[in-house]
Amino acid sequence: MSIFDNLCIVDDDEVQNFIKQVSANIKKERQLKGVTQLELALMIGQKSSAFYANAENSAKNRRFNLEHIYKISKALNVDVEKFFASS
């Protein structure tokens, strides 16, 4: 048995669940602050809410990247760690 036999330590479902949890946490914080998707999209440099809405809802294979998450935390004045908390 080689050390390379088990390189993938996380399955795809676990990754997808993690992404959905981060997106749900971002949505929760946005709603708590009373900010619309369009407002937050513009705050982080998006031209419209389409990408933002899809990323927040994990639709059409859209995802927030680290830059987005950092900008969202600054725009909402929330510690970035909150987005990674499990429920």
C-alpha atoms as a PDB file:
ATOM      1  CA  MET A   1       0.000   0.000   0.000  1.00  0.00           C
ATOM      2  CA  SER A   2       1.324   3.411  -0.997  1.00  0.00           C
ATOM      3  CA  ILE A   3       0.875   6.694   0.860  1.00  0.00           C
ATOM      4  CA  PHE A   4      -0.658   8.000  -2.357  1.00  0.00           C
ATOM      5  CA  ASP A   5      -3.563   5.536  -2.361  1.00  0.00           C
ATOM      6  CA  ASN A   6      -5.746   7.832  -0.272  1.00  0.00           C
ATOM      7  CA  LEU A   7      -4.856  11.332  -1.410  1.00  0.00           C
ATOM      8  CA  CYS A   8      -8.407  12.650  -1.364  1.00  0.00           C
ATOM      9  CA  ILE A   9      -9.252  13.085   2.307  1.00  0.00           C
ATOM     10  CA  VAL A  10     -12.602  14.828   1.783  1.00  0.00           C
ATOM     11  CA  ASP A  11     -15.423  13.653  -0.438  1.00  0.00           C
ATOM     12  CA  ASP A  12     -17.373  15.907  -2.792  1.00  0.00           C
ATOM     13  CA  ASP A  13     -20.532  15.876  -0.658  1.00  0.00           C
ATOM     14  CA  GLU A  14     -18.611  17.145   2.351  1.00  0.00           C
ATOM     15  CA  VAL A  15     -17.123  19.970   0.289  1.00  0.00           C
ATOM     16  CA  GLN A  16     -20.537  20.921  -1.110  1.00  0.00           C
ATOM     17  CA  ASN A  17     -22.039  20.943   2.389  1.00  0.00           C
ATOM     18  CA  PHE A  18     -19.219  23.201   3.587  1.00  0.00           C
ATOM     19  CA  ILE A  19     -19.788  25.636   0.697  1.00  0.00           C
ATOM     20  CA  LYS A  20     -23.536  25.689   1.392  1.00  0.00           C
ATOM     21  CA  GLN A  21     -22.898  26.352   5.097  1.00  0.00           C
ATOM     22  CA  VAL A  22     -20.606  29.296   4.331  1.00  0.00           C
ATOM     23  CA  SER A  23     -23.163  30.714   1.886  1.00  0.00           C
ATOM     24  CA  ALA A  24     -25.975  30.283   4.423  1.00  0.00           C
ATOM     25  CA  ASN A  25     -23.920  32.073   7.086  1.00  0.00           C
ATOM     26  CA  ILE A  26     -23.218  34.954   4.708  1.00  0.00           C
ATOM     27  CA  LYS A  27     -26.923  35.204   3.844  1.00  0.00           C
ATOM     28  CA  LYS A  28     -27.886  35.183   7.532  1.00  0.00           C
ATOM     29  CA  GLU A  29     -25.445  37.986   8.377  1.00  0.00           C
ATOM     30  CA  ARG A  30     -26.556  40.032   5.359  1.00  0.00           C
ATOM     31  CA  GLN A  31     -30.198  39.714   6.373  1.00  0.00           C
ATOM     32  CA  LEU A  32     -29.426  40.568  10.008  1.00  0.00           C
ATOM     33  CA  LYS A  33     -27.787  43.790   8.806  1.00  0.00           C
ATOM     34  CA  GLY A  34     -30.795  44.628   6.607  1.00  0.00           C
ATOM     35  CA  VAL A  35     -28.742  44.725   3.409  1.00  0.00           C
ATOM     36  CA  THR A  36     -30.170  43.540   0.083  1.00  0.00           C
ATOM     37  CA  GLN A  37     -28.329  41.230  -2.279  1.00  0.00           C
ATOM     38  CA  LEU A  38     -27.972  44.072  -4.779  1.00  0.00           C
ATOM     39  CA  GLU A  39     -26.576  46.455  -2.171  1.00  0.00           C
ATOM     40  CA  LEU A  40     -24.007  43.934  -0.995  1.00  0.00           C
ATOM     41  CA  ALA A  41     -23.115  42.913  -4.552  1.00  0.00           C
ATOM     42  CA  LEU A  42     -22.346  46.537  -5.378  1.00  0.00           C
ATOM     43  CA  MET A  43     -20.392  46.984  -2.125  1.00  0.00           C
ATOM     44  CA  ILE A  44     -18.047  44.147  -3.096  1.00  0.00           C
ATOM     45  CA  GLY A  45     -17.547  45.368  -6.650  1.00  0.00           C
ATOM     46  CA  GLN A  46     -20.067  43.279  -8.578  1.00  0.00           C
ATOM     47  CA  LYS A  47     -21.954  45.073 -11.353  1.00  0.00           C
ATOM     48  CA  SER A  48     -25.278  43.358 -10.602  1.00  0.00           C
ATOM     49  CA  SER A  49     -26.851  41.030  -8.098  1.00  0.00           C
ATOM     50  CA  ALA A  50     -26.996  38.014 -10.471  1.00  0.00           C
ATOM     51  CA  PHE A  51     -23.625  36.480  -9.555  1.00  0.00           C
ATOM     52  CA  TYR A  52     -24.090  37.380  -5.901  1.00  0.00           C
ATOM     53  CA  ALA A  53     -27.565  35.808  -5.694  1.00  0.00           C
ATOM     54  CA  ASN A  54     -26.369  32.613  -7.370  1.00  0.00           C
ATOM     55  CA  ALA A  55     -23.320  32.357  -5.097  1.00  0.00           C
ATOM     56  CA  GLU A  56     -25.354  33.018  -1.957  1.00  0.00           C
ATOM     57  CA  ASN A  57     -27.851  30.329  -2.946  1.00  0.00           C
ATOM     58  CA  SER A  58     -25.238  27.896  -4.328  1.00  0.00           C
ATOM     59  CA  ALA A  59     -26.996  28.010  -7.699  1.00  0.00           C
ATOM     60  CA  LYS A  60     -25.607  27.572 -11.216  1.00  0.00           C
ATOM     61  CA  ASN A  61     -22.288  26.360  -9.805  1.00  0.00           C
ATOM     62  CA  ARG A  62     -21.439  29.873  -8.565  1.00  0.00           C
ATOM     63  CA  ARG A  63     -19.264  30.201  -5.469  1.00  0.00           C
ATOM     64  CA  PHE A  64     -17.816  32.986  -3.372  1.00  0.00           C
ATOM     65  CA  ASN A  65     -14.029  33.069  -3.494  1.00  0.00           C
ATOM     66  CA  LEU A  66     -11.783  34.279  -0.675  1.00  0.00           C
ATOM     67  CA  GLU A  67     -11.710  37.819  -2.039  1.00  0.00           C
ATOM     68  CA  HIS A  68     -15.516  37.948  -2.061  1.00  0.00           C
ATOM     69  CA  ILE A  69     -15.731  36.567   1.471  1.00  0.00           C
ATOM     70  CA  TYR A  70     -13.172  39.071   2.751  1.00  0.00           C
ATOM     71  CA  LYS A  71     -14.976  42.004   1.090  1.00  0.00           C
ATOM     72  CA  ILE A  72     -18.350  40.802   2.406  1.00  0.00           C
ATOM     73  CA  SER A  73     -16.971  40.624   5.948  1.00  0.00           C
ATOM     74  CA  LYS A  74     -15.699  44.207   5.638  1.00  0.00           C
ATOM     75  CA  ALA A  75     -18.920  45.484   4.052  1.00  0.00           C
ATOM     76  CA  LEU A  76     -21.063  43.908   6.784  1.00  0.00           C
ATOM     77  CA  ASN A  77     -18.543  44.683   9.544  1.00  0.00           C
ATOM     78  CA  VAL A  78     -18.515  41.026  10.596  1.00  0.00           C
ATOM     79  CA  ASP A  79     -15.551  38.867  11.604  1.00  0.00           C
ATOM     80  CA  VAL A  80     -14.801  36.597   8.661  1.00  0.00           C
ATOM     81  CA  GLU A  81     -14.668  33.611  11.033  1.00  0.00           C
ATOM     82  CA  LYS A  82     -18.456  33.862  11.484  1.00  0.00           C
ATOM     83  CA  PHE A  83     -18.935  32.756   7.900  1.00  0.00           C
ATOM     84  CA  PHE A  84     -17.077  29.506   8.571  1.00  0.00           C
ATOM     85  CA  ALA A  85     -18.932  28.546  11.756  1.00  0.00           C
ATOM     86  CA  SER A  86     -20.957  25.354  11.643  1.00  0.00           C
ATOM     87  CA  SER A  87     -24.548  25.526  12.767  1.00  0.00           C
END
